[in-house]
Amino acid sequence: MPVKPTSLLGGESVYCINEAQLKEAVRLSEGDTDSAPRLQRLIETIEAECNRNERAALAFTLIQRLRTQTD
């Protein structure tokens, strides 16, 4: 019997989101002359190719990598 995948779309919060950082991320992805077009293309591709749970997995994975890796 197949195991049902765990939904990543709700439940208890583990991390809080800093509103100032979120606001800056939105500005960068929607209003920045250099970054916005590139980020919008990536977002459109991801939204077209991934379901909600996969997009949530990607978001969590990116956050985890940002927390643990250095440039």
N, C-alpha and C. Protein backbone atom coordinates (compact mmCIF):
# COMPACT_ATOMS: atom_id res chain seq x y z
N MET A 1 0.85 -1.18 0.00
CA MET A 1 0.00 0.00 0.00
C MET A 1 0.90 1.24 0.00
N PRO A 2 0.70 2.17 -0.95
CA PRO A 2 1.54 3.36 -1.02
C PRO A 2 1.33 4.27 0.19
N VAL A 3 2.40 4.92 0.59
CA VAL A 3 2.35 5.86 1.71
C VAL A 3 1.92 7.22 1.17
N LYS A 4 0.94 7.83 1.81
CA LYS A 4 0.47 9.15 1.41
C LYS A 4 1.54 10.19 1.75
N PRO A 5 1.89 11.08 0.78
CA PRO A 5 2.91 12.10 1.08
C PRO A 5 2.43 13.07 2.15
N THR A 6 3.35 13.57 2.92
CA THR A 6 3.06 14.55 3.95
C THR A 6 2.88 15.91 3.31
N SER A 7 1.78 16.58 3.59
CA SER A 7 1.54 17.91 3.06
C SER A 7 2.43 18.92 3.78
N LEU A 8 3.01 19.83 3.02
CA LEU A 8 3.86 20.88 3.59
C LEU A 8 3.14 22.22 3.65
N LEU A 9 1.84 22.22 3.44
CA LEU A 9 1.10 23.47 3.28
C LEU A 9 0.48 24.02 4.55
N GLY A 10 0.59 23.36 5.64
CA GLY A 10 -0.02 23.89 6.85
C GLY A 10 0.54 23.22 8.08
N GLY A 11 -0.11 23.42 9.18
CA GLY A 11 0.34 22.80 10.42
C GLY A 11 1.10 23.77 11.29
N GLU A 12 1.82 23.20 12.24
CA GLU A 12 2.56 24.02 13.19
C GLU A 12 3.71 24.75 12.53
N SER A 13 3.92 25.99 12.92
CA SER A 13 5.04 26.77 12.39
C SER A 13 6.31 26.43 13.14
N VAL A 14 7.37 26.23 12.39
CA VAL A 14 8.67 25.95 12.98
C VAL A 14 9.51 27.21 12.95
N TYR A 15 9.42 27.96 11.86
CA TYR A 15 10.17 29.20 11.69
C TYR A 15 9.19 30.36 11.61
N CYS A 16 9.60 31.51 12.12
CA CYS A 16 8.78 32.69 11.91
C CYS A 16 9.35 33.44 10.71
N ILE A 17 8.52 34.20 10.05
CA ILE A 17 8.95 34.96 8.88
C ILE A 17 9.11 36.41 9.31
N ASN A 18 10.27 36.96 9.07
CA ASN A 18 10.54 38.35 9.38
C ASN A 18 9.82 39.21 8.34
N GLU A 19 8.91 40.05 8.77
CA GLU A 19 8.10 40.84 7.84
C GLU A 19 8.95 41.82 7.02
N ALA A 20 9.99 42.37 7.60
CA ALA A 20 10.86 43.29 6.85
C ALA A 20 11.60 42.55 5.75
N GLN A 21 12.06 41.34 6.05
CA GLN A 21 12.74 40.54 5.02
C GLN A 21 11.76 40.12 3.93
N LEU A 22 10.54 39.75 4.32
CA LEU A 22 9.54 39.37 3.33
C LEU A 22 9.20 40.55 2.43
N LYS A 23 9.06 41.73 3.01
CA LYS A 23 8.77 42.93 2.24
C LYS A 23 9.89 43.22 1.24
N GLU A 24 11.13 43.06 1.68
CA GLU A 24 12.28 43.28 0.79
C GLU A 24 12.33 42.22 -0.31
N ALA A 25 11.99 41.00 0.03
CA ALA A 25 11.96 39.93 -0.98
C ALA A 25 10.92 40.23 -2.05
N VAL A 26 9.76 40.70 -1.64
CA VAL A 26 8.71 41.06 -2.60
C VAL A 26 9.18 42.22 -3.47
N ARG A 27 9.81 43.21 -2.87
CA ARG A 27 10.31 44.34 -3.64
C ARG A 27 11.34 43.88 -4.67
N LEU A 28 12.24 43.02 -4.24
CA LEU A 28 13.29 42.51 -5.13
C LEU A 28 12.68 41.70 -6.27
N SER A 29 11.69 40.88 -5.96
CA SER A 29 11.11 40.02 -6.99
C SER A 29 10.06 40.70 -7.85
N GLU A 30 9.54 41.83 -7.41
CA GLU A 30 8.50 42.51 -8.19
C GLU A 30 8.90 43.88 -8.70
N GLY A 31 9.84 44.55 -8.04
CA GLY A 31 10.13 45.92 -8.41
C GLY A 31 11.56 46.25 -8.79
N ASP A 32 12.49 45.36 -8.49
CA ASP A 32 13.89 45.63 -8.78
C ASP A 32 14.16 45.48 -10.27
N THR A 33 14.80 46.47 -10.85
CA THR A 33 15.06 46.48 -12.29
C THR A 33 15.87 45.28 -12.75
N ASP A 34 16.88 44.90 -12.01
CA ASP A 34 17.75 43.79 -12.41
C ASP A 34 17.19 42.42 -12.01
N SER A 35 16.76 42.30 -10.77
CA SER A 35 16.38 40.99 -10.24
C SER A 35 14.96 40.57 -10.59
N ALA A 36 14.02 41.49 -10.65
CA ALA A 36 12.61 41.13 -10.83
C ALA A 36 12.35 40.31 -12.09
N PRO A 37 12.86 40.70 -13.25
CA PRO A 37 12.56 39.89 -14.45
C PRO A 37 13.08 38.45 -14.33
N ARG A 38 14.27 38.28 -13.80
CA ARG A 38 14.86 36.94 -13.63
C ARG A 38 14.05 36.13 -12.62
N LEU A 39 13.74 36.74 -11.49
CA LEU A 39 12.98 36.04 -10.46
C LEU A 39 11.56 35.71 -10.94
N GLN A 40 10.92 36.61 -11.67
CA GLN A 40 9.58 36.35 -12.18
C GLN A 40 9.59 35.18 -13.16
N ARG A 41 10.61 35.09 -14.01
CA ARG A 41 10.72 33.96 -14.94
C ARG A 41 10.86 32.65 -14.17
N LEU A 42 11.70 32.66 -13.13
CA LEU A 42 11.87 31.45 -12.32
C LEU A 42 10.57 31.06 -11.62
N ILE A 43 9.88 32.04 -11.06
CA ILE A 43 8.62 31.78 -10.37
C ILE A 43 7.60 31.20 -11.33
N GLU A 44 7.48 31.77 -12.51
CA GLU A 44 6.52 31.26 -13.50
C GLU A 44 6.84 29.82 -13.89
N THR A 45 8.12 29.51 -14.08
CA THR A 45 8.52 28.15 -14.43
C THR A 45 8.19 27.18 -13.32
N ILE A 46 8.54 27.54 -12.10
CA ILE A 46 8.29 26.67 -10.95
C ILE A 46 6.79 26.45 -10.76
N GLU A 47 6.00 27.52 -10.86
CA GLU A 47 4.55 27.38 -10.69
C GLU A 47 3.93 26.54 -11.79
N ALA A 48 4.49 26.59 -12.99
CA ALA A 48 3.96 25.79 -14.11
C ALA A 48 4.32 24.32 -13.99
N GLU A 49 5.48 24.02 -13.39
CA GLU A 49 5.98 22.65 -13.37
C GLU A 49 5.77 21.91 -12.06
N CYS A 50 5.46 22.63 -10.98
CA CYS A 50 5.37 21.99 -9.66
C CYS A 50 3.99 22.22 -9.05
N ASN A 51 3.52 21.20 -8.32
CA ASN A 51 2.27 21.41 -7.59
C ASN A 51 2.56 22.17 -6.29
N ARG A 52 1.53 22.49 -5.54
CA ARG A 52 1.71 23.30 -4.32
C ARG A 52 2.65 22.64 -3.31
N ASN A 53 2.50 21.35 -3.11
CA ASN A 53 3.34 20.67 -2.14
C ASN A 53 4.80 20.69 -2.59
N GLU A 54 5.04 20.51 -3.87
CA GLU A 54 6.41 20.56 -4.40
C GLU A 54 6.99 21.97 -4.27
N ARG A 55 6.17 23.00 -4.51
CA ARG A 55 6.65 24.38 -4.35
C ARG A 55 6.98 24.65 -2.89
N ALA A 56 6.16 24.13 -1.98
CA ALA A 56 6.45 24.30 -0.55
C ALA A 56 7.74 23.58 -0.18
N ALA A 57 7.95 22.37 -0.73
CA ALA A 57 9.19 21.64 -0.47
C ALA A 57 10.39 22.44 -0.96
N LEU A 58 10.28 23.02 -2.13
CA LEU A 58 11.36 23.83 -2.67
C LEU A 58 11.63 25.05 -1.79
N ALA A 59 10.57 25.71 -1.35
CA ALA A 59 10.73 26.89 -0.50
C ALA A 59 11.44 26.53 0.81
N PHE A 60 10.99 25.45 1.45
CA PHE A 60 11.63 25.02 2.70
C PHE A 60 13.09 24.63 2.47
N THR A 61 13.34 23.94 1.36
CA THR A 61 14.71 23.52 1.05
C THR A 61 15.61 24.72 0.82
N LEU A 62 15.12 25.71 0.08
CA LEU A 62 15.91 26.92 -0.16
C LEU A 62 16.20 27.65 1.14
N ILE A 63 15.20 27.76 2.00
CA ILE A 63 15.40 28.42 3.30
C ILE A 63 16.44 27.67 4.12
N GLN A 64 16.32 26.35 4.15
CA GLN A 64 17.29 25.55 4.91
C GLN A 64 18.71 25.75 4.35
N ARG A 65 18.85 25.74 3.04
CA ARG A 65 20.17 25.95 2.44
C ARG A 65 20.72 27.34 2.75
N LEU A 66 19.85 28.35 2.73
CA LEU A 66 20.29 29.70 3.06
C LEU A 66 20.75 29.79 4.51
N ARG A 67 20.11 29.03 5.38
CA ARG A 67 20.48 29.04 6.80
C ARG A 67 21.81 28.34 7.06
N THR A 68 22.14 27.33 6.25
CA THR A 68 23.27 26.47 6.59
C THR A 68 24.48 26.61 5.67
N GLN A 69 24.31 27.19 4.50
CA GLN A 69 25.43 27.29 3.57
C GLN A 69 25.91 28.73 3.47
N THR A 70 27.17 28.87 3.21
CA THR A 70 27.74 30.20 2.98
C THR A 70 28.10 30.31 1.51
N ASP A 71 28.17 31.54 1.03
CA ASP A 71 28.52 31.75 -0.38
C ASP A 71 29.94 31.39 -0.68
